[in-house]
Amino acid sequence: MFIRSMVWRATLALGAAAVAVVALAVPASAGGKGVTPEQAGYTAAWAQFKAISTSVYLRNPVQYAGEVSSYRHSVQLWPSRTAASGVVVSLGVEASTSGMGYTPYAIIYNRGTHQVIVSNPNAQWCSYRESCSPEIGSFTFGGTLELKISYSPKAGTLQMYAGSPDLGSSGYASYFTSSYTVTGQSFVRVKVGTELGSSPWDSSYSYTPPATSVRVATYNDVQLTSYSGHTGTLRSWWNHAKVIAQRSGDLVAAPTDLYNGGASFRTWLVPQSTSSSS
């Protein structure tokens, strides 16, 4: 089974006055299918990855209430599809479009069953000048957030971090951490982007297509590190591909092409557009 080339064209506002037509296509991907039911972004494969990080600007969630009830920004580590005991690690922030906050989370899934093994293990919500607490807070829109997962193949320790360099309303910047130990993992694929479902496999979310394409996020400074210690952007010696959100034959969300040397891209909610695969 292969994915036919799918192209959608939408008018996107670029700057204050310029308007351009941008074409996004679903490429073949050795690291993934290229299409998922709920995520738009990028995947990389053909390496063993021990770290992934990105920064994302937190936009006001209320502006997307007409399309979705909630969405997530995330980074993920994935094992091989044939890994019998592999886990999927997902770190991100979730926003309800009826509110103004982004709640951080760290979830470890069983790759085979898709079940949650543990949610927010050893999680802490901290302030740079105050004490830490297991009671998770939220980030207010309007700031830039860094998301980072690090894995030690030797020790089997996972470290997850979500932190904002911007000052919060209290005058101090807060951050979220989570940690977990799972040995013997070989993470051969990573993902980064916007999620519309409650898990990497969820297709049950509600979605009302916008009349014209709507930008959800800009991801900058995407960095991947291999088990050998090589660090690079999505555009490096490993394979990379777009991840398109498609449900019931309709495109839902898609990323732009990479820029800034493969370290940046944007994601968009798209108008209804039917496509087929065989």
Protein backbone atom coordinates (compact mmCIF):
# COMPACT_ATOMS: atom_id res chain seq x y z
CA MET A 1 0.00 0.00 0.00
CA PHE A 2 1.37 3.36 -0.84
CA ILE A 3 0.24 6.94 -0.30
CA ARG A 4 -0.60 8.80 -3.48
CA SER A 5 0.74 12.28 -3.80
CA MET A 6 -1.79 14.70 -2.31
CA VAL A 7 -1.53 18.43 -2.81
CA TRP A 8 -3.71 21.11 -1.34
CA ARG A 9 -3.48 24.77 -2.15
CA ALA A 10 -4.72 27.52 0.08
CA THR A 11 -4.33 31.25 0.23
CA LEU A 12 -2.17 32.13 3.22
CA ALA A 13 -1.57 35.62 4.55
CA LEU A 14 2.15 36.38 4.60
CA GLY A 15 3.01 39.60 6.36
CA ALA A 16 0.64 42.55 6.51
CA ALA A 17 -0.12 42.86 2.81
CA ALA A 18 1.48 40.03 0.86
CA VAL A 19 -0.59 37.02 -0.20
CA ALA A 20 0.87 33.81 -1.62
CA VAL A 21 -0.39 30.40 -2.64
CA VAL A 22 1.46 27.64 -0.82
CA ALA A 23 1.38 24.01 -1.96
CA LEU A 24 1.85 21.24 0.59
CA ALA A 25 2.35 17.65 -0.55
CA VAL A 26 2.45 14.32 1.21
CA PRO A 27 5.86 12.78 0.48
CA ALA A 28 6.85 9.15 0.74
CA SER A 29 8.44 8.50 4.12
CA ALA A 30 10.74 5.70 5.19
CA GLY A 31 10.28 6.83 8.80
CA GLY A 32 6.48 6.84 8.86
CA LYS A 33 3.33 6.67 6.77
CA GLY A 34 3.29 10.39 6.06
CA VAL A 35 -0.37 10.50 7.17
CA THR A 36 -1.80 10.22 10.70
CA PRO A 37 -5.33 10.73 11.99
CA GLU A 38 -4.47 13.60 14.30
CA GLN A 39 -1.03 15.21 13.91
CA ALA A 40 0.57 17.74 11.58
CA GLY A 41 4.32 18.26 11.69
CA TYR A 42 7.46 16.31 10.86
CA THR A 43 8.99 12.92 11.53
CA ALA A 44 12.61 11.79 11.29
CA ALA A 45 13.94 8.22 11.10
CA TRP A 46 16.89 6.03 10.06
CA ALA A 47 18.80 6.76 13.25
CA GLN A 48 18.69 6.04 16.97
CA PHE A 49 17.56 9.21 18.71
CA LYS A 50 18.23 10.04 22.34
CA ALA A 51 17.00 13.65 22.38
CA ILE A 52 14.55 15.95 20.63
CA SER A 53 13.75 19.57 21.37
CA THR A 54 11.92 22.54 19.87
CA SER A 55 10.53 25.92 20.82
CA VAL A 56 7.00 27.06 20.04
CA TYR A 57 5.15 30.33 20.53
CA LEU A 58 1.92 29.86 22.51
CA ARG A 59 -0.88 31.56 20.60
CA ASN A 60 -4.26 32.47 22.13
CA PRO A 61 -6.25 29.19 22.01
CA VAL A 62 -9.64 30.95 21.90
CA GLN A 63 -9.09 31.94 18.26
CA TYR A 64 -9.38 28.25 17.23
CA ALA A 65 -12.68 27.57 19.03
CA GLY A 66 -14.54 27.49 15.73
CA GLU A 67 -12.44 24.56 14.48
CA VAL A 68 -11.41 22.38 17.46
CA SER A 69 -12.15 22.03 21.17
CA SER A 70 -8.50 21.48 22.10
CA TYR A 71 -5.04 20.89 20.59
CA ARG A 72 -1.50 20.03 21.64
CA HIS A 73 2.09 20.93 20.79
CA SER A 74 4.38 17.94 21.31
CA VAL A 75 7.70 16.20 20.75
CA GLN A 76 7.87 12.40 20.72
CA LEU A 77 10.32 9.48 20.71
CA TRP A 78 9.19 6.26 18.96
CA PRO A 79 10.63 2.73 18.80
CA SER A 80 10.52 0.41 15.83
CA ARG A 81 7.07 -0.84 14.83
CA THR A 82 8.28 -4.38 15.49
CA ALA A 83 9.65 -3.64 18.98
CA ALA A 84 7.96 -6.11 21.33
CA SER A 85 8.52 -4.06 24.48
CA GLY A 86 9.00 -0.58 23.06
CA VAL A 87 7.46 2.58 24.48
CA VAL A 88 6.35 5.87 22.91
CA VAL A 89 7.34 8.99 24.85
CA SER A 90 5.23 12.11 24.36
CA LEU A 91 5.94 15.49 25.95
CA GLY A 92 3.81 18.51 25.24
CA VAL A 93 1.31 21.14 26.28
CA GLU A 94 -2.45 20.98 25.78
CA ALA A 95 -4.77 23.94 25.32
CA SER A 96 -8.55 24.07 25.52
CA THR A 97 -9.98 26.57 23.04
CA SER A 98 -12.41 27.73 25.73
CA GLY A 99 -9.54 28.96 27.91
CA MET A 100 -6.20 30.75 27.76
CA GLY A 101 -3.76 28.29 29.36
CA TYR A 102 -1.48 25.49 28.15
CA THR A 103 -1.15 22.53 30.54
CA PRO A 104 2.08 20.49 30.26
CA TYR A 105 2.10 16.69 30.23
CA ALA A 106 4.47 13.74 29.83
CA ILE A 107 2.97 10.39 28.82
CA ILE A 108 4.61 6.98 28.28
CA TYR A 109 2.62 4.64 25.99
CA ASN A 110 2.96 0.97 25.20
CA ARG A 111 3.86 0.91 21.50
CA GLY A 112 1.97 -2.29 20.76
CA THR A 113 -1.26 -1.78 22.72
CA HIS A 114 -1.37 2.06 22.63
CA GLN A 115 -2.23 1.98 26.33
CA VAL A 116 -0.87 4.57 28.78
CA ILE A 117 1.87 3.05 30.95
CA VAL A 118 2.28 6.15 33.10
CA SER A 119 1.22 9.79 32.91
CA ASN A 120 3.36 12.62 34.34
CA PRO A 121 5.80 10.33 36.18
CA ASN A 122 7.66 12.15 38.99
CA ALA A 123 6.26 15.39 37.62
CA GLN A 124 7.13 18.74 39.16
CA TRP A 125 5.88 22.29 38.50
CA CYS A 126 8.59 24.76 39.48
CA SER A 127 9.37 28.44 39.54
CA TYR A 128 12.90 29.69 39.01
CA ARG A 129 12.73 31.49 42.38
CA GLU A 130 10.15 29.40 44.22
CA SER A 131 9.81 25.79 45.34
CA CYS A 132 8.59 22.90 43.18
CA SER A 133 5.26 21.12 43.60
CA PRO A 134 3.60 18.01 42.10
CA GLU A 135 0.50 20.14 41.44
CA ILE A 136 0.79 20.96 37.73
CA GLY A 137 0.18 24.55 36.70
CA SER A 138 -0.27 26.01 33.23
CA PHE A 139 1.50 28.39 30.87
CA THR A 140 -0.36 31.49 29.72
CA PHE A 141 -0.47 32.23 26.00
CA GLY A 142 1.82 34.90 24.63
CA GLY A 143 5.19 33.36 25.50
CA THR A 144 7.72 31.06 23.86
CA LEU A 145 8.03 27.56 25.28
CA GLU A 146 10.82 25.00 24.95
CA LEU A 147 9.94 21.29 24.84
CA LYS A 148 12.71 18.72 25.32
CA ILE A 149 13.00 14.94 25.83
CA SER A 150 16.36 13.39 26.69
CA TYR A 151 17.10 9.66 27.03
CA SER A 152 20.20 7.97 28.42
CA PRO A 153 20.59 4.63 26.62
CA LYS A 154 23.08 3.44 29.24
CA ALA A 155 21.09 4.34 32.36
CA GLY A 156 17.64 4.02 30.82
CA THR A 157 16.51 7.37 32.23
CA LEU A 158 14.11 9.70 30.48
CA GLN A 159 14.08 13.42 31.30
CA MET A 160 11.23 15.62 30.03
CA TYR A 161 11.21 19.41 30.27
CA ALA A 162 8.81 22.19 29.28
CA GLY A 163 9.92 25.67 30.21
CA SER A 164 9.28 29.24 29.25
CA PRO A 165 11.98 31.92 29.21
CA ASP A 166 9.30 34.62 29.50
CA LEU A 167 8.27 36.11 32.83
CA GLY A 168 4.86 35.07 34.07
CA SER A 169 2.31 37.22 35.87
CA SER A 170 4.06 36.53 39.18
CA GLY A 171 7.29 37.97 37.82
CA TYR A 172 8.95 34.56 37.61
CA ALA A 173 9.15 32.06 34.78
CA SER A 174 7.80 28.58 35.59
CA TYR A 175 8.76 25.19 34.17
CA PHE A 176 7.61 21.56 34.15
CA THR A 177 9.76 18.45 34.57
CA SER A 178 9.03 14.73 34.49
CA SER A 179 11.29 11.66 34.68
CA TYR A 180 10.99 7.93 34.10
CA THR A 181 13.29 4.92 33.87
CA VAL A 182 12.90 2.33 31.12
CA THR A 183 15.93 0.36 29.97
CA GLY A 184 16.77 -1.23 26.66
CA GLN A 185 14.95 1.23 24.41
CA SER A 186 15.91 1.94 20.81
CA PHE A 187 14.12 5.09 19.64
CA VAL A 188 14.43 5.02 15.86
CA ARG A 189 11.86 7.68 15.04
CA VAL A 190 10.87 11.12 16.35
CA LYS A 191 7.88 13.37 15.78
CA VAL A 192 7.26 17.06 16.40
CA GLY A 193 4.18 19.15 15.67
CA THR A 194 0.54 19.92 16.42
CA GLU A 195 -1.84 17.25 17.71
CA LEU A 196 -5.64 17.43 17.57
CA GLY A 197 -6.43 14.14 19.31
CA SER A 198 -5.94 12.93 22.88
CA SER A 199 -3.25 10.40 21.87
CA PRO A 200 -1.05 9.71 18.82
CA TRP A 201 -3.71 7.30 17.51
CA ASP A 202 -6.90 9.23 18.29
CA SER A 203 -9.27 10.06 15.41
CA SER A 204 -12.38 10.82 17.47
CA TYR A 205 -11.80 14.56 17.99
CA SER A 206 -14.27 17.12 16.66
CA TYR A 207 -13.18 19.32 13.76
CA THR A 208 -14.93 22.02 11.76
CA PRO A 209 -12.88 22.94 8.66
CA PRO A 210 -12.14 26.67 8.37
CA ALA A 211 -13.12 28.59 5.25
CA THR A 212 -9.45 29.43 4.64
CA SER A 213 -6.26 28.00 6.11
CA VAL A 214 -5.52 29.01 9.70
CA ARG A 215 -2.03 28.99 11.19
CA VAL A 216 -1.80 27.13 14.50
CA ALA A 217 1.88 27.24 15.39
CA THR A 218 5.46 28.02 14.42
CA TYR A 219 8.10 25.54 15.58
CA ASN A 220 11.68 26.82 15.76
CA ASP A 221 15.07 25.43 16.79
CA VAL A 222 14.15 21.78 16.22
CA GLN A 223 17.18 19.76 17.32
CA LEU A 224 17.69 15.98 17.25
CA THR A 225 20.54 14.04 18.86
CA SER A 226 21.49 10.48 17.92
CA TYR A 227 22.80 7.80 20.28
CA SER A 228 26.26 8.46 18.83
CA GLY A 229 26.04 12.11 19.90
CA HIS A 230 25.44 13.74 16.53
CA THR A 231 23.12 16.77 16.79
CA GLY A 232 21.30 18.31 13.85
CA THR A 233 18.02 19.73 12.62
CA LEU A 234 15.31 17.74 10.87
CA ARG A 235 17.33 18.16 7.66
CA SER A 236 20.41 16.05 8.38
CA TRP A 237 21.78 12.64 7.38
CA TRP A 238 18.67 10.97 8.80
CA ASN A 239 15.48 10.73 6.80
CA HIS A 240 12.75 13.31 7.40
CA ALA A 241 9.20 13.69 6.10
CA LYS A 242 6.07 15.75 6.58
CA VAL A 243 3.30 14.38 8.76
CA ILE A 244 -0.19 15.25 7.51
CA ALA A 245 -3.35 14.95 9.62
CA GLN A 246 -6.00 13.20 7.53
CA ARG A 247 -9.26 11.66 8.70
CA SER A 248 -11.88 9.79 6.66
CA GLY A 249 -10.17 10.87 3.45
CA ASP A 250 -10.18 14.58 4.35
CA LEU A 251 -7.12 16.66 5.13
CA VAL A 252 -7.34 18.30 8.55
CA ALA A 253 -3.96 19.93 9.19
CA ALA A 254 -0.58 20.14 7.47
CA PRO A 255 2.92 21.61 7.90
CA THR A 256 4.78 24.00 5.65
CA ASP A 257 8.13 23.16 4.11
CA LEU A 258 11.15 23.35 6.42
CA TYR A 259 13.19 26.55 6.61
CA ASN A 260 16.07 27.92 8.74
CA GLY A 261 18.23 25.00 7.68
CA GLY A 262 15.60 22.44 8.62
CA ALA A 263 15.06 23.83 12.14
CA SER A 264 11.70 25.57 11.59
CA PHE A 265 8.24 24.98 10.13
CA ARG A 266 4.62 26.07 10.67
CA THR A 267 1.40 24.10 11.00
CA TRP A 268 -2.02 25.03 9.58
CA LEU A 269 -5.62 23.92 9.93
CA VAL A 270 -6.92 23.52 6.39
CA PRO A 271 -10.28 23.75 4.60
CA GLN A 272 -12.05 20.53 3.75
CA SER A 273 -10.20 18.72 0.95
CA THR A 274 -10.90 15.15 -0.03
CA SER A 275 -8.07 12.86 -1.13
CA SER A 276 -7.66 9.14 -1.64
CA SER A 277 -5.08 6.46 -0.94
CA SER A 278 -4.65 2.91 -2.15
